[in-house]
Structures are given as C-alpha cells and as structure tokens.
C-alpha cells in the first residue's frame, strides 16, 4: 500500500505540474494575441511553457510504460 500511496502522490504532482504549465501557456498566448507577436519576452515565456509541457509529457509517457509493463500497481 505504501508504494501505491507514493505513486498516487507522484501522479498528482504530475497533474498539478501539467495544469500549471498549460495555464501559463494559455496566459502567454492570450498576451501574445493582445499585444502582437513581436514581443521577444513573450515569445521566450511561451517557449518556456511549451518546454515544461513537453517535459511533463515525457514523464507521463515514462509512467505509462511502467504501468503497462506491470511495474506500477
């Protein structure tokens, strides 16, 4: 049971990271659309948010492989 609890907490943190990164990306996209795409600082913020989403996506893929191989649950 201790492993399952730890895995659930890990998955919950992953969901929180995903939601936070997606929210940042949506906010930056809204700023870009209102101010125009010429702002380099906004482009950098958007790229950072995309990078975080991609990192979380890779982590989800790793957990999915663990689950499908029987290493989780």
C-alpha atoms as a PDB file:
ATOM      1  CA  UNK A   1       0.000   0.000   0.000  1.00  0.00           C
ATOM      2  CA  UNK A   2       2.842   2.375   0.724  1.00  0.00           C
ATOM      3  CA  UNK A   3       4.023   2.130  -2.889  1.00  0.00           C
ATOM      4  CA  UNK A   4       0.556   2.866  -4.205  1.00  0.00           C
ATOM      5  CA  UNK A   5       0.230   5.914  -1.992  1.00  0.00           C
ATOM      6  CA  UNK A   6       3.609   7.197  -3.163  1.00  0.00           C
ATOM      7  CA  UNK A   7       2.685   6.551  -6.805  1.00  0.00           C
ATOM      8  CA  UNK A   8      -0.632   8.372  -6.409  1.00  0.00           C
ATOM      9  CA  UNK A   9       1.149  11.358  -4.865  1.00  0.00           C
ATOM     10  CA  UNK A  10       3.654  11.344  -7.714  1.00  0.00           C
ATOM     11  CA  UNK A  11       0.864  11.234 -10.269  1.00  0.00           C
ATOM     12  CA  UNK A  12      -0.973  14.051  -8.502  1.00  0.00           C
ATOM     13  CA  UNK A  13       2.143  16.255  -8.564  1.00  0.00           C
ATOM     14  CA  UNK A  14       2.494  15.471 -12.263  1.00  0.00           C
ATOM     15  CA  UNK A  15      -1.102  16.537 -12.920  1.00  0.00           C
ATOM     16  CA  UNK A  16      -0.501  19.755 -10.970  1.00  0.00           C
ATOM     17  CA  UNK A  17       2.644  20.491 -12.999  1.00  0.00           C
ATOM     18  CA  UNK A  18       0.748  19.837 -16.236  1.00  0.00           C
ATOM     19  CA  UNK A  19      -2.117  22.127 -15.256  1.00  0.00           C
ATOM     20  CA  UNK A  20       0.230  24.903 -14.148  1.00  0.00           C
ATOM     21  CA  UNK A  21       2.264  24.726 -17.364  1.00  0.00           C
ATOM     22  CA  UNK A  22      -0.865  24.651 -19.521  1.00  0.00           C
ATOM     23  CA  UNK A  23      -2.283  27.651 -17.670  1.00  0.00           C
ATOM     24  CA  UNK A  24       0.966  29.604 -18.116  1.00  0.00           C
ATOM     25  CA  UNK A  25       0.976  28.750 -21.807  1.00  0.00           C
ATOM     26  CA  UNK A  26      -2.643  29.873 -22.272  1.00  0.00           C
ATOM     27  CA  UNK A  27      -1.938  33.122 -20.419  1.00  0.00           C
ATOM     28  CA  UNK A  28       1.120  33.851 -22.542  1.00  0.00           C
ATOM     29  CA  UNK A  29      -0.782  33.040 -25.734  1.00  0.00           C
ATOM     30  CA  UNK A  30      -3.517  35.460 -24.670  1.00  0.00           C
ATOM     31  CA  UNK A  31      -0.894  38.161 -24.047  1.00  0.00           C
ATOM     32  CA  UNK A  32       0.720  37.495 -27.420  1.00  0.00           C
ATOM     33  CA  UNK A  33      -2.592  37.750 -29.215  1.00  0.00           C
ATOM     34  CA  UNK A  34      -3.450  41.015 -27.483  1.00  0.00           C
ATOM     35  CA  UNK A  35       0.000  42.652 -27.779  1.00  0.00           C
ATOM     36  CA  UNK A  36       1.234  41.128 -31.000  1.00  0.00           C
ATOM     37  CA  UNK A  37       3.853  38.518 -31.747  1.00  0.00           C
ATOM     38  CA  UNK A  38       6.780  40.961 -31.897  1.00  0.00           C
ATOM     39  CA  UNK A  39       7.490  40.890 -28.147  1.00  0.00           C
ATOM     40  CA  UNK A  40      10.575  38.706 -27.618  1.00  0.00           C
ATOM     41  CA  UNK A  41       9.988  38.354 -23.854  1.00  0.00           C
ATOM     42  CA  UNK A  42       6.561  36.875 -24.502  1.00  0.00           C
ATOM     43  CA  UNK A  43       7.985  34.514 -27.104  1.00  0.00           C
ATOM     44  CA  UNK A  44      10.547  33.342 -24.560  1.00  0.00           C
ATOM     45  CA  UNK A  45       7.841  32.823 -21.927  1.00  0.00           C
ATOM     46  CA  UNK A  46       5.769  30.821 -24.420  1.00  0.00           C
ATOM     47  CA  UNK A  47       8.759  28.657 -25.328  1.00  0.00           C
ATOM     48  CA  UNK A  48       9.490  28.025 -21.641  1.00  0.00           C
ATOM     49  CA  UNK A  49       5.884  26.958 -21.049  1.00  0.00           C
ATOM     50  CA  UNK A  50       5.983  24.656 -24.096  1.00  0.00           C
ATOM     51  CA  UNK A  51       9.226  23.129 -22.827  1.00  0.00           C
ATOM     52  CA  UNK A  52       7.654  22.449 -19.420  1.00  0.00           C
ATOM     53  CA  UNK A  53       4.619  20.831 -21.072  1.00  0.00           C
ATOM     54  CA  UNK A  54       6.939  18.658 -23.159  1.00  0.00           C
ATOM     55  CA  UNK A  55       8.907  17.620 -20.065  1.00  0.00           C
ATOM     56  CA  UNK A  56       5.702  16.632 -18.301  1.00  0.00           C
ATOM     57  CA  UNK A  57       4.541  14.780 -21.409  1.00  0.00           C
ATOM     58  CA  UNK A  58       7.758  12.739 -21.392  1.00  0.00           C
ATOM     59  CA  UNK A  59       7.266  11.957 -17.701  1.00  0.00           C
ATOM     60  CA  UNK A  60       3.688  10.817 -18.376  1.00  0.00           C
ATOM     61  CA  UNK A  61       4.955   8.575 -21.167  1.00  0.00           C
ATOM     62  CA  UNK A  62       7.521   7.042 -18.820  1.00  0.00           C
ATOM     63  CA  UNK A  63       4.881   6.366 -16.166  1.00  0.00           C
ATOM     64  CA  UNK A  64       2.589   4.878 -18.804  1.00  0.00           C
ATOM     65  CA  UNK A  65       5.321   2.466 -19.892  1.00  0.00           C
ATOM     66  CA  UNK A  66       5.879   1.475 -16.250  1.00  0.00           C
ATOM     67  CA  UNK A  67       2.175   0.892 -15.788  1.00  0.00           C
ATOM     68  CA  UNK A  68       1.791  -1.144 -18.977  1.00  0.00           C
ATOM     69  CA  UNK A  69       4.824  -3.283 -18.153  1.00  0.00           C
ATOM     70  CA  UNK A  70       3.407  -4.130 -14.737  1.00  0.00           C
ATOM     71  CA  UNK A  71       5.912  -2.172 -12.664  1.00  0.00           C
ATOM     72  CA  UNK A  72       3.152   0.018 -11.260  1.00  0.00           C
ATOM     73  CA  UNK A  73       0.099  -1.257  -9.438  1.00  0.00           C
END
